Structure formats: C-alpha cells, structure tokens
Amino acid sequence: MMRARLIGLVTVSLLAANAGAAWAQESGDARAGRAFARGTCATCHAVQKGETHSAVAEAPPFEAIAAVPGMSAIALRSVLTSPHHRMPNIVLTPADMADVVAYILSLKP
C-alpha cells in the first residue's frame, strides 16, 4: 500500500511538472509545518527526520514522501487537497498548507 501511494505521488508530481502548472509557490515556514505535523499528522505518519516507521503502516513517512523523485510543492498541495483512502479529511488553512509543504520539502535528501 505504501509503495502504491509513493507511485501515486510520483505520478502526480510528474504530471504537474509536465503540465507546466502555474500555481504560485508561496513559501511556508518549515518550523511551523513541523509543529503542525507533530500535532496533527504524527497520529498516522512518521513526521520527524530519521523516523522510518509510521504509526499506520499504510501512511508513508514524511521523509519517504520528500524523497520521491520530482517531489514538488505543487505535487504535495495536490495530494493534500485530494481525498485519500483511510486518511481523515483534514482541512488545512492556506498558511498551514504552505508550512506543511515547506516542512516536507525540507526533508528532501
């Protein structure tokens, strides 16, 4: 399941890059994103650098998401605003979205 999700993230990332999407890439605060992730996302995902096992096996660690080739802010926003199997419907404010995206991208290898 995690592999399928990572493949989906790669697909979304490549489609967004190939489509030349013109979404604004406002920068977020990675430290605020880390705090948000620790308080909200860590229920299911491994969110800290160096954590390799998520609380929910199907929920990929944030480092694994960040390491997907071509992962971008556009791809992450797309994934975070799309319904996910077994993922709770968490509505992020634009600021929280920018912060979480900045945090995940800060985990890139």
N, C-alpha and C. Protein backbone atom coordinates (compact mmCIF):
# COMPACT_ATOMS: atom_id res chain seq x y z
N MET A 1 0.83 -1.20 0.00
CA MET A 1 0.00 0.00 0.00
C MET A 1 0.86 1.25 0.00
N MET A 2 1.95 1.24 0.79
CA MET A 2 2.82 2.41 0.83
C MET A 2 3.48 2.61 -0.53
N ARG A 3 3.88 1.52 -1.16
CA ARG A 3 4.51 1.64 -2.47
C ARG A 3 3.53 2.23 -3.48
N ALA A 4 2.27 1.80 -3.42
CA ALA A 4 1.26 2.33 -4.33
C ALA A 4 1.07 3.83 -4.10
N ARG A 5 1.08 4.24 -2.87
CA ARG A 5 0.91 5.66 -2.55
C ARG A 5 2.11 6.47 -3.08
N LEU A 6 3.32 5.92 -2.90
CA LEU A 6 4.50 6.62 -3.41
C LEU A 6 4.47 6.71 -4.93
N ILE A 7 4.04 5.65 -5.59
CA ILE A 7 3.91 5.68 -7.05
C ILE A 7 2.90 6.74 -7.45
N GLY A 8 1.80 6.84 -6.70
CA GLY A 8 0.81 7.88 -6.97
C GLY A 8 1.38 9.27 -6.81
N LEU A 9 2.20 9.46 -5.76
CA LEU A 9 2.83 10.76 -5.56
C LEU A 9 3.77 11.10 -6.70
N VAL A 10 4.52 10.12 -7.17
CA VAL A 10 5.43 10.35 -8.30
C VAL A 10 4.63 10.73 -9.53
N THR A 11 3.54 10.02 -9.77
CA THR A 11 2.71 10.30 -10.94
C THR A 11 2.16 11.71 -10.89
N VAL A 12 1.62 12.10 -9.74
CA VAL A 12 1.08 13.45 -9.59
C VAL A 12 2.18 14.48 -9.81
N SER A 13 3.34 14.21 -9.25
CA SER A 13 4.46 15.14 -9.39
C SER A 13 4.87 15.31 -10.85
N LEU A 14 5.00 14.20 -11.54
CA LEU A 14 5.40 14.26 -12.94
C LEU A 14 4.34 14.93 -13.81
N LEU A 15 3.08 14.64 -13.54
CA LEU A 15 2.01 15.28 -14.31
C LEU A 15 2.01 16.78 -14.10
N ALA A 16 2.19 17.19 -12.86
CA ALA A 16 2.21 18.63 -12.57
C ALA A 16 3.40 19.30 -13.25
N ALA A 17 4.55 18.65 -13.21
CA ALA A 17 5.74 19.22 -13.85
C ALA A 17 5.58 19.28 -15.36
N ASN A 18 5.03 18.22 -15.95
CA ASN A 18 4.88 18.18 -17.40
C ASN A 18 3.79 19.12 -17.89
N ALA A 19 2.80 19.38 -17.08
CA ALA A 19 1.71 20.26 -17.48
C ALA A 19 2.12 21.72 -17.39
N GLY A 20 3.25 21.99 -16.74
CA GLY A 20 3.70 23.38 -16.60
C GLY A 20 2.74 24.18 -15.76
N ALA A 21 2.23 23.58 -14.71
CA ALA A 21 1.27 24.25 -13.84
C ALA A 21 1.83 25.57 -13.35
N ALA A 22 0.97 26.55 -13.27
CA ALA A 22 1.41 27.90 -12.92
C ALA A 22 0.96 28.31 -11.53
N TRP A 23 0.81 27.34 -10.62
CA TRP A 23 0.40 27.68 -9.26
C TRP A 23 1.51 28.47 -8.58
N ALA A 24 1.12 29.43 -7.79
CA ALA A 24 2.10 30.19 -7.04
C ALA A 24 2.76 29.27 -6.02
N GLN A 25 4.03 29.45 -5.83
CA GLN A 25 4.77 28.61 -4.90
C GLN A 25 5.18 29.47 -3.71
N GLU A 26 4.16 29.98 -2.99
CA GLU A 26 4.48 30.78 -1.83
C GLU A 26 5.26 29.93 -0.85
N SER A 27 6.16 30.56 -0.15
CA SER A 27 6.97 29.80 0.78
C SER A 27 6.28 29.76 2.12
N GLY A 28 6.44 28.64 2.77
CA GLY A 28 5.89 28.46 4.11
C GLY A 28 7.02 28.42 5.12
N ASP A 29 6.65 28.26 6.35
CA ASP A 29 7.59 28.19 7.45
C ASP A 29 7.76 26.72 7.84
N ALA A 30 8.91 26.14 7.51
CA ALA A 30 9.14 24.72 7.77
C ALA A 30 9.06 24.40 9.26
N ARG A 31 9.49 25.31 10.12
CA ARG A 31 9.41 25.04 11.57
C ARG A 31 7.96 24.98 12.02
N ALA A 32 7.13 25.88 11.51
CA ALA A 32 5.71 25.84 11.85
C ALA A 32 5.07 24.58 11.27
N GLY A 33 5.50 24.18 10.07
CA GLY A 33 4.99 22.96 9.45
C GLY A 33 5.35 21.73 10.26
N ARG A 34 6.56 21.72 10.80
CA ARG A 34 6.99 20.60 11.65
C ARG A 34 6.11 20.53 12.90
N ALA A 35 5.85 21.67 13.51
CA ALA A 35 5.00 21.70 14.71
C ALA A 35 3.58 21.22 14.38
N PHE A 36 3.05 21.68 13.25
CA PHE A 36 1.72 21.25 12.83
C PHE A 36 1.71 19.74 12.59
N ALA A 37 2.72 19.25 11.87
CA ALA A 37 2.79 17.82 11.56
C ALA A 37 2.89 16.98 12.83
N ARG A 38 3.69 17.43 13.78
CA ARG A 38 3.82 16.69 15.04
C ARG A 38 2.50 16.64 15.80
N GLY A 39 1.70 17.69 15.68
CA GLY A 39 0.44 17.73 16.40
C GLY A 39 -0.72 17.10 15.67
N THR A 40 -0.65 17.02 14.35
CA THR A 40 -1.79 16.54 13.57
C THR A 40 -1.47 15.28 12.76
N CYS A 41 -0.38 15.29 12.05
CA CYS A 41 -0.08 14.21 11.10
C CYS A 41 0.58 13.00 11.75
N ALA A 42 1.24 13.22 12.89
CA ALA A 42 2.01 12.15 13.53
C ALA A 42 1.12 11.04 14.08
N THR A 43 -0.17 11.27 14.14
CA THR A 43 -1.08 10.21 14.56
C THR A 43 -0.96 9.01 13.62
N CYS A 44 -0.67 9.28 12.36
CA CYS A 44 -0.56 8.21 11.35
C CYS A 44 0.84 8.12 10.73
N HIS A 45 1.45 9.27 10.43
CA HIS A 45 2.72 9.32 9.70
C HIS A 45 3.91 9.49 10.64
N ALA A 46 5.06 8.95 10.23
CA ALA A 46 6.33 9.31 10.86
C ALA A 46 6.69 10.67 10.27
N VAL A 47 6.76 11.68 11.10
CA VAL A 47 6.96 13.03 10.57
C VAL A 47 8.35 13.60 10.85
N GLN A 48 9.08 13.02 11.76
CA GLN A 48 10.38 13.55 12.13
C GLN A 48 11.48 12.99 11.25
N LYS A 49 12.51 13.75 11.05
CA LYS A 49 13.69 13.28 10.31
C LYS A 49 14.25 12.07 11.06
N GLY A 50 14.53 11.02 10.33
CA GLY A 50 15.10 9.81 10.91
C GLY A 50 14.07 8.77 11.33
N GLU A 51 12.80 9.15 11.40
CA GLU A 51 11.75 8.17 11.72
C GLU A 51 11.42 7.39 10.46
N THR A 52 11.44 6.08 10.56
CA THR A 52 11.20 5.27 9.36
C THR A 52 9.92 4.46 9.42
N HIS A 53 9.29 4.39 10.59
CA HIS A 53 8.07 3.60 10.71
C HIS A 53 6.93 4.48 11.20
N SER A 54 5.88 4.55 10.39
CA SER A 54 4.70 5.32 10.74
C SER A 54 3.82 4.52 11.68
N ALA A 55 2.99 5.22 12.44
CA ALA A 55 2.05 4.57 13.35
C ALA A 55 1.04 3.72 12.58
N VAL A 56 0.69 4.16 11.39
CA VAL A 56 -0.20 3.41 10.50
C VAL A 56 0.66 2.94 9.33
N ALA A 57 0.72 1.63 9.15
CA ALA A 57 1.65 1.04 8.16
C ALA A 57 1.46 1.60 6.76
N GLU A 58 0.22 1.93 6.38
CA GLU A 58 -0.05 2.43 5.03
C GLU A 58 0.31 3.91 4.86
N ALA A 59 0.62 4.59 5.94
CA ALA A 59 0.93 6.02 5.88
C ALA A 59 2.43 6.19 5.72
N PRO A 60 2.88 6.66 4.56
CA PRO A 60 4.33 6.77 4.34
C PRO A 60 4.97 7.82 5.26
N PRO A 61 6.18 7.55 5.71
CA PRO A 61 6.91 8.56 6.48
C PRO A 61 7.12 9.81 5.63
N PHE A 62 7.13 10.95 6.26
CA PHE A 62 7.33 12.20 5.53
C PHE A 62 8.66 12.21 4.77
N GLU A 63 9.70 11.60 5.33
CA GLU A 63 10.98 11.55 4.60
C GLU A 63 10.85 10.76 3.31
N ALA A 64 10.06 9.69 3.32
CA ALA A 64 9.86 8.90 2.11
C ALA A 64 9.09 9.71 1.07
N ILE A 65 8.13 10.48 1.51
CA ILE A 65 7.37 11.34 0.59
C ILE A 65 8.31 12.37 -0.02
N ALA A 66 9.13 13.00 0.82
CA ALA A 66 10.06 14.03 0.34
C ALA A 66 11.08 13.46 -0.64
N ALA A 67 11.43 12.18 -0.48
CA ALA A 67 12.46 11.56 -1.31
C ALA A 67 11.95 11.08 -2.66
N VAL A 68 10.65 11.16 -2.90
CA VAL A 68 10.12 10.74 -4.19
C VAL A 68 10.73 11.64 -5.28
N PRO A 69 11.33 11.04 -6.30
CA PRO A 69 11.93 11.86 -7.36
C PRO A 69 10.93 12.85 -7.95
N GLY A 70 11.35 14.09 -8.07
CA GLY A 70 10.49 15.12 -8.64
C GLY A 70 9.45 15.69 -7.69
N MET A 71 9.50 15.30 -6.42
CA MET A 71 8.51 15.82 -5.47
C MET A 71 8.63 17.33 -5.42
N SER A 72 7.47 17.98 -5.48
CA SER A 72 7.45 19.44 -5.52
C SER A 72 6.32 19.97 -4.65
N ALA A 73 6.32 21.26 -4.45
CA ALA A 73 5.24 21.90 -3.70
C ALA A 73 3.90 21.70 -4.40
N ILE A 74 3.91 21.77 -5.71
CA ILE A 74 2.67 21.57 -6.48
C ILE A 74 2.11 20.17 -6.24
N ALA A 75 2.98 19.17 -6.32
CA ALA A 75 2.53 17.79 -6.12
C ALA A 75 2.00 17.59 -4.71
N LEU A 76 2.69 18.13 -3.71
CA LEU A 76 2.24 17.97 -2.33
C LEU A 76 0.89 18.65 -2.11
N ARG A 77 0.73 19.85 -2.65
CA ARG A 77 -0.56 20.54 -2.49
C ARG A 77 -1.69 19.72 -3.14
N SER A 78 -1.40 19.16 -4.28
CA SER A 78 -2.40 18.34 -4.96
C SER A 78 -2.80 17.13 -4.11
N VAL A 79 -1.80 16.47 -3.57
CA VAL A 79 -2.07 15.29 -2.74
C VAL A 79 -2.81 15.69 -1.46
N LEU A 80 -2.41 16.78 -0.85
CA LEU A 80 -3.03 17.18 0.42
C LEU A 80 -4.45 17.70 0.25
N THR A 81 -4.83 18.08 -0.96
CA THR A 81 -6.20 18.57 -1.17
C THR A 81 -7.08 17.53 -1.85
N SER A 82 -6.55 16.34 -2.09
CA SER A 82 -7.32 15.25 -2.70
C SER A 82 -7.71 14.24 -1.64
N PRO A 83 -8.89 13.62 -1.79
CA PRO A 83 -9.28 12.59 -0.82
C PRO A 83 -8.31 11.40 -0.88
N HIS A 84 -8.03 10.83 0.28
CA HIS A 84 -7.15 9.67 0.39
C HIS A 84 -7.90 8.53 1.05
N HIS A 85 -7.61 7.35 0.59
CA HIS A 85 -8.16 6.16 1.24
C HIS A 85 -7.61 6.11 2.66
N ARG A 86 -8.47 6.00 3.63
CA ARG A 86 -8.14 5.86 5.04
C ARG A 86 -7.53 7.11 5.66
N MET A 87 -7.38 8.19 4.93
CA MET A 87 -6.84 9.41 5.53
C MET A 87 -8.01 10.28 5.98
N PRO A 88 -7.96 10.76 7.21
CA PRO A 88 -9.05 11.63 7.67
C PRO A 88 -9.12 12.90 6.83
N ASN A 89 -10.28 13.48 6.75
CA ASN A 89 -10.47 14.70 5.97
C ASN A 89 -10.00 15.90 6.79
N ILE A 90 -8.71 16.16 6.71
CA ILE A 90 -8.12 17.28 7.43
C ILE A 90 -8.12 18.48 6.50
N VAL A 91 -8.77 19.56 6.91
CA VAL A 91 -8.80 20.78 6.10
C VAL A 91 -7.72 21.71 6.63
N LEU A 92 -6.78 22.02 5.76
CA LEU A 92 -5.67 22.89 6.14
C LEU A 92 -5.94 24.31 5.69
N THR A 93 -5.62 25.27 6.53
CA THR A 93 -5.67 26.66 6.10
C THR A 93 -4.57 26.86 5.07
N PRO A 94 -4.66 27.89 4.25
CA PRO A 94 -3.56 28.14 3.30
C PRO A 94 -2.20 28.26 3.98
N ALA A 95 -2.15 28.90 5.14
CA ALA A 95 -0.88 29.04 5.85
C ALA A 95 -0.37 27.69 6.34
N ASP A 96 -1.26 26.87 6.92
CA ASP A 96 -0.86 25.54 7.38
C ASP A 96 -0.39 24.68 6.21
N MET A 97 -1.08 24.78 5.08
CA MET A 97 -0.70 24.02 3.89
C MET A 97 0.72 24.42 3.46
N ALA A 98 0.97 25.72 3.36
CA ALA A 98 2.29 26.20 2.95
C ALA A 98 3.36 25.74 3.93
N ASP A 99 3.04 25.77 5.22
CA ASP A 99 4.01 25.37 6.24
C ASP A 99 4.31 23.87 6.17
N VAL A 100 3.28 23.05 6.05
CA VAL A 100 3.48 21.60 5.97
C VAL A 100 4.26 21.24 4.70
N VAL A 101 3.92 21.86 3.60
CA VAL A 101 4.63 21.61 2.35
C VAL A 101 6.10 22.00 2.51
N ALA A 102 6.36 23.16 3.09
CA ALA A 102 7.74 23.60 3.31
C ALA A 102 8.48 22.61 4.20
N TYR A 103 7.81 22.10 5.23
CA TYR A 103 8.46 21.14 6.12
C TYR A 103 8.79 19.84 5.39
N ILE A 104 7.82 19.29 4.68
CA ILE A 104 8.08 18.04 3.96
C ILE A 104 9.21 18.22 2.96
N LEU A 105 9.21 19.32 2.23
CA LEU A 105 10.28 19.55 1.26
C LEU A 105 11.63 19.76 1.94
N SER A 106 11.63 20.23 3.19
CA SER A 106 12.89 20.40 3.92
C SER A 106 13.52 19.05 4.27
N LEU A 107 12.75 17.98 4.16
CA LEU A 107 13.25 16.64 4.47
C LEU A 107 13.88 15.95 3.27
N LYS A 108 13.90 16.62 2.12
CA LYS A 108 14.49 16.01 0.92
C LYS A 108 15.93 15.62 1.22
N PRO A 109 16.34 14.44 0.70
CA PRO A 109 17.73 14.00 0.92
C PRO A 109 18.72 14.89 0.18
